Amino acid sequence: ASSRSLPAADPATQLSSREFEIFRLLAEGHALDAIAARLYLSSKTVANHQTLIKQKLGVTTPIELVRLAIQHGVVTG
């Protein structure tokens, strides 16, 4: 059992508005390149945001990220 039994951080309070936007798009299943194009950013910038978002929220996999988004009502299951 991991020490992750604590409730995960609320993305809305932990992330900047840009990070939250990227978090939501990732949780909806959009690819990094698609998010980059949509937000007029480079893929590298989006990838950097993704890394920071995962660190801030304490998630490591895309599945955990989606689960967290659903848990907090950012996206629907």
C-alpha atoms as a PDB file:
ATOM      1  CA  ALA A   1       0.000   0.000   0.000  1.00  0.00           C
ATOM      2  CA  SER A   2       1.327   3.400  -0.917  1.00  0.00           C
ATOM      3  CA  SER A   3       1.098   6.549   1.164  1.00  0.00           C
ATOM      4  CA  ARG A   4      -1.350   7.979  -1.364  1.00  0.00           C
ATOM      5  CA  SER A   5      -4.439   7.329   0.721  1.00  0.00           C
ATOM      6  CA  LEU A   6      -4.633  11.052   1.505  1.00  0.00           C
ATOM      7  CA  PRO A   7      -7.167  12.901  -0.614  1.00  0.00           C
ATOM      8  CA  ALA A   8      -5.422  14.389  -3.623  1.00  0.00           C
ATOM      9  CA  ALA A   9      -4.975  18.119  -3.945  1.00  0.00           C
ATOM     10  CA  ASP A  10      -7.829  20.031  -5.551  1.00  0.00           C
ATOM     11  CA  PRO A  11      -6.587  20.961  -9.032  1.00  0.00           C
ATOM     12  CA  ALA A  12      -8.565  24.215  -8.991  1.00  0.00           C
ATOM     13  CA  THR A  13      -6.610  25.518  -5.999  1.00  0.00           C
ATOM     14  CA  GLN A  14      -3.217  23.963  -6.766  1.00  0.00           C
ATOM     15  CA  LEU A  15      -2.803  25.017 -10.387  1.00  0.00           C
ATOM     16  CA  SER A  16      -2.472  28.326 -12.205  1.00  0.00           C
ATOM     17  CA  SER A  17      -5.276  29.089 -14.653  1.00  0.00           C
ATOM     18  CA  ARG A  18      -3.072  28.024 -17.596  1.00  0.00           C
ATOM     19  CA  GLU A  19      -2.054  24.796 -15.848  1.00  0.00           C
ATOM     20  CA  PHE A  20      -5.679  24.088 -15.005  1.00  0.00           C
ATOM     21  CA  GLU A  21      -6.667  24.570 -18.635  1.00  0.00           C
ATOM     22  CA  ILE A  22      -3.962  22.127 -19.740  1.00  0.00           C
ATOM     23  CA  PHE A  23      -4.932  19.713 -16.954  1.00  0.00           C
ATOM     24  CA  ARG A  24      -8.549  19.749 -18.170  1.00  0.00           C
ATOM     25  CA  LEU A  25      -7.536  19.150 -21.794  1.00  0.00           C
ATOM     26  CA  LEU A  26      -5.195  16.311 -20.791  1.00  0.00           C
ATOM     27  CA  ALA A  27      -7.950  14.766 -18.687  1.00  0.00           C
ATOM     28  CA  GLU A  28     -10.273  14.949 -21.699  1.00  0.00           C
ATOM     29  CA  GLY A  29      -7.751  12.849 -23.605  1.00  0.00           C
ATOM     30  CA  HIS A  30      -6.207  15.468 -25.871  1.00  0.00           C
ATOM     31  CA  ALA A  31      -2.652  14.814 -27.094  1.00  0.00           C
ATOM     32  CA  LEU A  32       0.138  17.234 -26.165  1.00  0.00           C
ATOM     33  CA  ASP A  33       0.496  18.387 -29.790  1.00  0.00           C
ATOM     34  CA  ALA A  34      -3.247  19.077 -30.042  1.00  0.00           C
ATOM     35  CA  ILE A  35      -3.206  21.041 -26.782  1.00  0.00           C
ATOM     36  CA  ALA A  36      -0.162  23.005 -27.967  1.00  0.00           C
ATOM     37  CA  ALA A  37      -1.885  23.922 -31.247  1.00  0.00           C
ATOM     38  CA  ARG A  38      -5.123  24.843 -29.483  1.00  0.00           C
ATOM     39  CA  LEU A  39      -3.397  27.114 -26.944  1.00  0.00           C
ATOM     40  CA  TYR A  40      -0.776  28.512 -29.356  1.00  0.00           C
ATOM     41  CA  LEU A  41       2.083  27.022 -27.331  1.00  0.00           C
ATOM     42  CA  SER A  42       4.998  24.792 -28.286  1.00  0.00           C
ATOM     43  CA  SER A  43       4.694  21.074 -27.564  1.00  0.00           C
ATOM     44  CA  LYS A  44       7.701  21.426 -25.267  1.00  0.00           C
ATOM     45  CA  THR A  45       5.919  24.105 -23.219  1.00  0.00           C
ATOM     46  CA  VAL A  46       2.849  21.902 -22.865  1.00  0.00           C
ATOM     47  CA  ALA A  47       5.038  18.930 -21.889  1.00  0.00           C
ATOM     48  CA  ASN A  48       6.736  21.090 -19.234  1.00  0.00           C
ATOM     49  CA  HIS A  49       3.340  22.171 -17.906  1.00  0.00           C
ATOM     50  CA  GLN A  50       2.235  18.529 -17.823  1.00  0.00           C
ATOM     51  CA  THR A  51       5.262  17.601 -15.709  1.00  0.00           C
ATOM     52  CA  LEU A  52       4.594  20.451 -13.266  1.00  0.00           C
ATOM     53  CA  ILE A  53       0.888  19.636 -13.096  1.00  0.00           C
ATOM     54  CA  LYS A  54       1.636  15.999 -12.236  1.00  0.00           C
ATOM     55  CA  GLN A  55       4.134  17.072  -9.567  1.00  0.00           C
ATOM     56  CA  LYS A  56       1.757  19.608  -8.019  1.00  0.00           C
ATOM     57  CA  LEU A  57      -1.125  17.134  -7.946  1.00  0.00           C
ATOM     58  CA  GLY A  58       0.957  14.149  -6.885  1.00  0.00           C
ATOM     59  CA  VAL A  59       0.026  11.959  -9.859  1.00  0.00           C
ATOM     60  CA  THR A  60       2.372   9.967 -12.044  1.00  0.00           C
ATOM     61  CA  THR A  61       0.229   8.352 -14.734  1.00  0.00           C
ATOM     62  CA  PRO A  62      -2.354   9.665 -17.217  1.00  0.00           C
ATOM     63  CA  ILE A  63      -4.920   7.373 -15.578  1.00  0.00           C
ATOM     64  CA  GLU A  64      -4.365   8.981 -12.160  1.00  0.00           C
ATOM     65  CA  LEU A  65      -4.643  12.407 -13.744  1.00  0.00           C
ATOM     66  CA  VAL A  66      -8.001  11.515 -15.338  1.00  0.00           C
ATOM     67  CA  ARG A  67      -9.245   9.918 -12.112  1.00  0.00           C
ATOM     68  CA  LEU A  68      -8.376  13.093 -10.196  1.00  0.00           C
ATOM     69  CA  ALA A  69     -10.151  15.246 -12.789  1.00  0.00           C
ATOM     70  CA  ILE A  70     -13.300  13.115 -12.511  1.00  0.00           C
ATOM     71  CA  GLN A  71     -13.097  13.136  -8.697  1.00  0.00           C
ATOM     72  CA  HIS A  72     -13.071  16.936  -8.674  1.00  0.00           C
ATOM     73  CA  GLY A  73     -15.710  17.328 -11.367  1.00  0.00           C
ATOM     74  CA  VAL A  74     -13.297  18.832 -13.899  1.00  0.00           C
ATOM     75  CA  VAL A  75     -14.414  16.296 -16.485  1.00  0.00           C
ATOM     76  CA  THR A  76     -17.238  13.766 -16.411  1.00  0.00           C
ATOM     77  CA  GLY A  77     -16.506  10.043 -16.339  1.00  0.00           C
END
